Amino acid sequence: MVISDRLQAVKKTRVYEAIVEQLTALILEGEIKPGEKLPSERELCEQFGVGRNSVREATRSLESARLVETKQGEGTFVTAQPEALLPMISEKVSSDAESGIHHLFEARMVLEPQIAALAAERATDAELVMLEDTIQRQHDAIEGGRLGLREDTQFHLGLAEAAKNQFLHHLLSSLLNSLSEMRERSLRRDENVRFRSWEAHQKILDAVSNKDKNRAMAGMIGHLVEIEGSEVEAHLKPDHLAKLEAE
């Protein structure tokens, strides 16, 4: 399959996120189907105009989202789309406590892209207005020196409301509540994280407003890929961080 016409050179600081979004969109649109092999690492580097580290980081993120699988000596293959993984949520959340945080993030990665897709199909005009208002209030809060965490949460739950599935809304509410302290620490650590979250919400809402479920899913996956790293880092104890920096 030739996908080079759809790939664009990446021009942003955290380039792997843009790579994740582009590849995710192609997978969700069915241009790269389950079982098919992605272009080689060298080909992706050339097409995106980035280095190997960015491509490798993007591949790891796609693996975390269960969208691809890398087979030693063979390459990276598309596995399944997010909606096919929905039954795994309960198992991941109830797994052993030592890996609880990772499983919570894994559950968000399975759950929220599908919520965004359903919102793109089902959101009413009134709900779109409410989501736009939430994003504006998030921006105002950040500009005013506040975290915008309440508005951040309201946006994600607002999408779940627009998806018209109370089961998904309940699951997401539980997940966000379980991660609330970590999310707050992440936002306190870095103002840039707050603004990037707001920008990601804008992109997702634009896709939802245009009823583009594949772009909504891709945008949500890209958003979650970024915030997981920030929130996990915020969760680490100071002495652990110091040890990592020393290494």
Protein backbone atom coordinates (compact mmCIF):
# COMPACT_ATOMS: atom_id res chain seq x y z
CA MET A 1 0.00 0.00 0.00
CA VAL A 2 1.26 3.47 -0.86
CA ILE A 3 0.37 5.98 1.84
CA SER A 4 3.07 8.55 1.10
CA ASP A 5 0.57 10.95 -0.46
CA ARG A 6 -1.24 11.21 2.88
CA LEU A 7 1.81 11.76 5.11
CA GLN A 8 3.16 15.24 5.76
CA ALA A 9 6.45 16.49 7.14
CA VAL A 10 6.12 17.16 10.87
CA LYS A 11 6.88 20.63 12.16
CA LYS A 12 6.42 20.75 15.94
CA THR A 13 8.58 20.30 19.05
CA ARG A 14 7.04 17.02 20.23
CA VAL A 15 7.08 15.52 16.78
CA TYR A 16 6.15 11.98 17.76
CA GLU A 17 2.64 13.18 18.73
CA ALA A 18 1.98 14.43 15.21
CA ILE A 19 3.27 11.13 13.79
CA VAL A 20 0.89 9.24 16.08
CA GLU A 21 -2.05 11.36 14.91
CA GLN A 22 -1.30 10.89 11.21
CA LEU A 23 -0.79 7.14 11.43
CA THR A 24 -3.80 6.72 13.70
CA ALA A 25 -6.00 8.55 11.22
CA LEU A 26 -4.84 6.26 8.40
CA ILE A 27 -5.52 3.18 10.51
CA LEU A 28 -8.96 4.35 11.58
CA GLU A 29 -9.92 5.33 8.04
CA GLY A 30 -9.05 1.82 6.89
CA GLU A 31 -6.23 2.89 4.58
CA ILE A 32 -3.94 0.65 6.61
CA LYS A 33 -5.97 -2.38 7.67
CA PRO A 34 -5.49 -4.86 10.54
CA GLY A 35 -2.75 -7.30 9.60
CA GLU A 36 -1.02 -4.94 7.19
CA LYS A 37 2.55 -3.83 7.72
CA LEU A 38 3.54 -0.21 8.29
CA PRO A 39 6.31 1.30 6.15
CA SER A 40 9.80 0.62 7.48
CA GLU A 41 11.38 2.88 10.07
CA ARG A 42 13.66 4.36 7.43
CA GLU A 43 10.75 5.05 5.09
CA LEU A 44 8.76 6.73 7.86
CA CYS A 45 11.74 8.89 8.82
CA GLU A 46 12.09 10.06 5.23
CA GLN A 47 8.38 10.67 4.73
CA PHE A 48 7.84 12.57 7.97
CA GLY A 49 11.16 14.37 7.78
CA VAL A 50 12.15 13.35 11.31
CA GLY A 51 14.78 11.26 13.09
CA ARG A 52 14.59 7.63 14.13
CA ASN A 53 13.94 8.45 17.80
CA SER A 54 10.71 10.28 16.95
CA VAL A 55 9.47 7.39 14.81
CA ARG A 56 10.38 4.87 17.50
CA GLU A 57 8.60 6.89 20.20
CA ALA A 58 5.52 7.16 18.01
CA THR A 59 5.58 3.41 17.38
CA ARG A 60 5.79 2.72 21.12
CA SER A 61 2.78 4.98 21.68
CA LEU A 62 0.77 3.16 19.01
CA GLU A 63 1.73 -0.14 20.64
CA SER A 64 0.53 1.19 23.99
CA ALA A 65 -2.79 2.07 22.34
CA ARG A 66 -2.95 -1.51 20.99
CA LEU A 67 -3.14 -0.25 17.43
CA VAL A 68 0.07 -1.89 16.23
CA GLU A 69 2.40 -4.72 17.17
CA THR A 70 6.10 -4.92 16.39
CA LYS A 71 7.46 -8.36 15.51
CA GLN A 72 11.20 -8.78 15.82
CA GLY A 73 12.82 -9.06 12.41
CA GLU A 74 9.52 -8.67 10.56
CA GLY A 75 8.31 -5.12 11.16
CA THR A 76 5.33 -3.32 12.69
CA PHE A 77 1.81 -4.50 11.90
CA VAL A 78 -1.63 -3.02 12.50
CA THR A 79 -3.53 -5.12 15.04
CA ALA A 80 -6.98 -3.84 16.01
CA GLN A 81 -8.97 -0.63 16.13
CA PRO A 82 -9.81 0.91 19.53
CA GLU A 83 -13.50 0.01 19.49
CA ALA A 84 -12.56 -3.67 19.20
CA LEU A 85 -10.77 -3.38 22.54
CA LEU A 86 -13.68 -2.02 24.56
CA PRO A 87 -14.41 -5.33 26.37
CA MET A 88 -10.92 -5.16 27.93
CA ILE A 89 -11.72 -2.10 30.06
CA SER A 90 -13.13 -3.86 33.10
CA GLU A 91 -10.24 -6.31 33.19
CA LYS A 92 -7.63 -3.55 33.00
CA VAL A 93 -9.17 -1.43 35.76
CA SER A 94 -9.56 -4.36 38.14
CA SER A 95 -6.05 -5.79 37.62
CA ASP A 96 -3.49 -5.94 40.42
CA ALA A 97 -2.83 -2.69 42.29
CA GLU A 98 0.89 -2.51 41.51
CA SER A 99 0.17 -1.82 37.84
CA GLY A 100 -3.05 0.05 38.54
CA ILE A 101 -1.91 3.41 37.23
CA HIS A 102 -0.70 1.96 33.95
CA HIS A 103 -3.95 0.06 33.57
CA LEU A 104 -6.00 3.17 34.24
CA PHE A 105 -4.19 4.98 31.45
CA GLU A 106 -4.55 1.95 29.21
CA ALA A 107 -8.28 1.97 29.93
CA ARG A 108 -8.53 5.65 29.00
CA MET A 109 -6.75 4.91 25.73
CA VAL A 110 -9.30 2.22 24.94
CA LEU A 111 -12.34 4.17 26.13
CA GLU A 112 -11.97 7.83 25.17
CA PRO A 113 -11.23 7.58 21.44
CA GLN A 114 -14.46 5.62 21.06
CA ILE A 115 -16.34 8.22 23.10
CA ALA A 116 -15.01 10.93 20.80
CA ALA A 117 -16.16 8.95 17.75
CA LEU A 118 -19.66 8.47 19.17
CA ALA A 119 -19.83 12.17 20.08
CA ALA A 120 -18.96 13.04 16.47
CA GLU A 121 -21.94 10.95 15.36
CA ARG A 122 -24.46 11.96 18.04
CA ALA A 123 -23.69 15.40 19.49
CA THR A 124 -26.52 17.91 19.26
CA ASP A 125 -26.02 21.58 18.44
CA ALA A 126 -26.73 22.45 22.08
CA GLU A 127 -24.08 20.00 23.28
CA LEU A 128 -21.53 21.42 20.84
CA VAL A 129 -22.22 24.90 22.21
CA MET A 130 -21.70 23.62 25.76
CA LEU A 131 -18.41 21.97 24.80
CA GLU A 132 -17.24 25.18 23.13
CA ASP A 133 -18.16 27.11 26.27
CA THR A 134 -16.23 24.63 28.40
CA ILE A 135 -13.11 25.06 26.26
CA GLN A 136 -13.41 28.84 26.49
CA ARG A 137 -13.71 28.65 30.27
CA GLN A 138 -10.68 26.37 30.36
CA HIS A 139 -8.70 28.94 28.38
CA ASP A 140 -9.86 31.76 30.65
CA ALA A 141 -8.87 29.77 33.73
CA ILE A 142 -5.38 29.09 32.36
CA GLU A 143 -4.91 32.69 31.30
CA GLY A 144 -5.92 33.69 34.83
CA GLY A 145 -3.18 31.55 36.34
CA ARG A 146 -5.46 28.70 37.39
CA LEU A 147 -5.14 25.02 36.45
CA GLY A 148 -8.32 24.62 34.45
CA LEU A 149 -8.64 21.07 35.79
CA ARG A 150 -12.37 21.32 36.45
CA GLU A 151 -12.98 22.57 32.90
CA ASP A 152 -10.63 19.90 31.52
CA THR A 153 -12.66 17.22 33.25
CA GLN A 154 -15.94 18.80 32.14
CA PHE A 155 -14.81 18.67 28.52
CA HIS A 156 -14.04 14.95 28.64
CA LEU A 157 -17.28 14.17 30.47
CA GLY A 158 -19.15 16.49 28.10
CA LEU A 159 -17.98 14.37 25.20
CA ALA A 160 -19.25 11.30 27.03
CA GLU A 161 -22.64 12.99 27.50
CA ALA A 162 -22.72 13.79 23.78
CA ALA A 163 -21.93 10.12 23.04
CA LYS A 164 -25.33 9.24 24.56
CA ASN A 165 -24.06 6.19 26.43
CA GLN A 166 -24.42 6.34 30.20
CA PHE A 167 -22.30 3.22 30.70
CA LEU A 168 -19.33 4.86 28.98
CA HIS A 169 -19.97 8.09 30.89
CA HIS A 170 -19.91 6.22 34.21
CA LEU A 171 -16.71 4.38 33.34
CA LEU A 172 -14.95 7.58 32.27
CA SER A 173 -16.09 9.45 35.35
CA SER A 174 -14.61 6.71 37.53
CA LEU A 175 -11.34 6.73 35.62
CA LEU A 176 -10.91 10.49 35.79
CA ASN A 177 -11.75 10.47 39.49
CA SER A 178 -9.10 7.80 40.11
CA LEU A 179 -6.51 9.92 38.32
CA SER A 180 -7.59 13.30 39.70
CA GLU A 181 -4.66 13.86 42.08
CA MET A 182 -2.11 12.88 39.47
CA ARG A 183 -3.77 15.11 36.86
CA GLU A 184 -3.67 18.06 39.26
CA ARG A 185 0.04 17.54 39.98
CA SER A 186 0.75 17.38 36.27
CA LEU A 187 -1.02 20.67 35.60
CA ARG A 188 0.72 22.35 38.54
CA ARG A 189 4.15 21.33 37.30
CA ASP A 190 4.03 22.96 33.89
CA GLU A 191 1.84 25.73 32.48
CA ASN A 192 2.64 24.51 28.96
CA VAL A 193 0.84 21.26 29.74
CA ARG A 194 -2.32 23.26 30.49
CA PHE A 195 -2.19 25.14 27.20
CA ARG A 196 -1.42 21.99 25.19
CA SER A 197 -4.44 20.30 26.76
CA TRP A 198 -6.63 23.23 25.76
CA GLU A 199 -5.28 23.16 22.21
CA ALA A 200 -5.91 19.42 21.95
CA HIS A 201 -9.49 19.93 23.15
CA GLN A 202 -10.02 22.50 20.42
CA LYS A 203 -8.79 20.09 17.78
CA ILE A 204 -11.02 17.29 19.06
CA LEU A 205 -14.08 19.52 19.22
CA ASP A 206 -13.47 20.72 15.67
CA ALA A 207 -13.54 17.11 14.49
CA VAL A 208 -16.67 16.36 16.53
CA SER A 209 -18.40 19.47 15.21
CA ASN A 210 -17.63 18.35 11.65
CA LYS A 211 -18.92 14.83 12.41
CA ASP A 212 -15.51 13.43 11.50
CA LYS A 213 -15.32 10.45 13.85
CA ASN A 214 -11.97 9.20 12.58
CA ARG A 215 -10.30 12.57 13.12
CA ALA A 216 -11.98 12.83 16.53
CA MET A 217 -10.55 9.45 17.52
CA ALA A 218 -7.11 10.31 16.17
CA GLY A 219 -7.12 13.63 18.00
CA MET A 220 -8.09 11.98 21.27
CA ILE A 221 -5.40 9.33 20.93
CA GLY A 222 -2.79 12.02 20.26
CA HIS A 223 -4.03 13.96 23.30
CA LEU A 224 -3.86 10.94 25.59
CA VAL A 225 -0.40 9.99 24.33
CA GLU A 226 0.87 13.41 25.34
CA ILE A 227 -0.79 13.74 28.73
CA GLU A 228 0.15 10.25 29.91
CA GLY A 229 3.83 11.13 29.88
CA SER A 230 3.24 14.39 31.76
CA GLU A 231 0.97 12.85 34.36
CA VAL A 232 3.13 9.82 35.04
CA GLU A 233 6.15 12.09 35.46
CA ALA A 234 4.18 14.22 37.91
CA HIS A 235 3.33 11.06 39.86
CA LEU A 236 6.96 10.09 40.40
CA LYS A 237 8.39 10.96 43.80
CA PRO A 238 10.98 13.77 43.80
CA ASP A 239 13.77 11.42 44.84
CA HIS A 240 12.86 9.05 42.02
CA LEU A 241 12.96 11.91 39.53
CA ALA A 242 16.33 13.00 40.85
CA LYS A 243 17.66 9.48 40.41
CA LEU A 244 16.40 9.33 36.82
CA GLU A 245 17.97 12.70 35.99
CA ALA A 246 21.26 11.55 37.49
CA GLU A 247 21.24 8.50 35.24
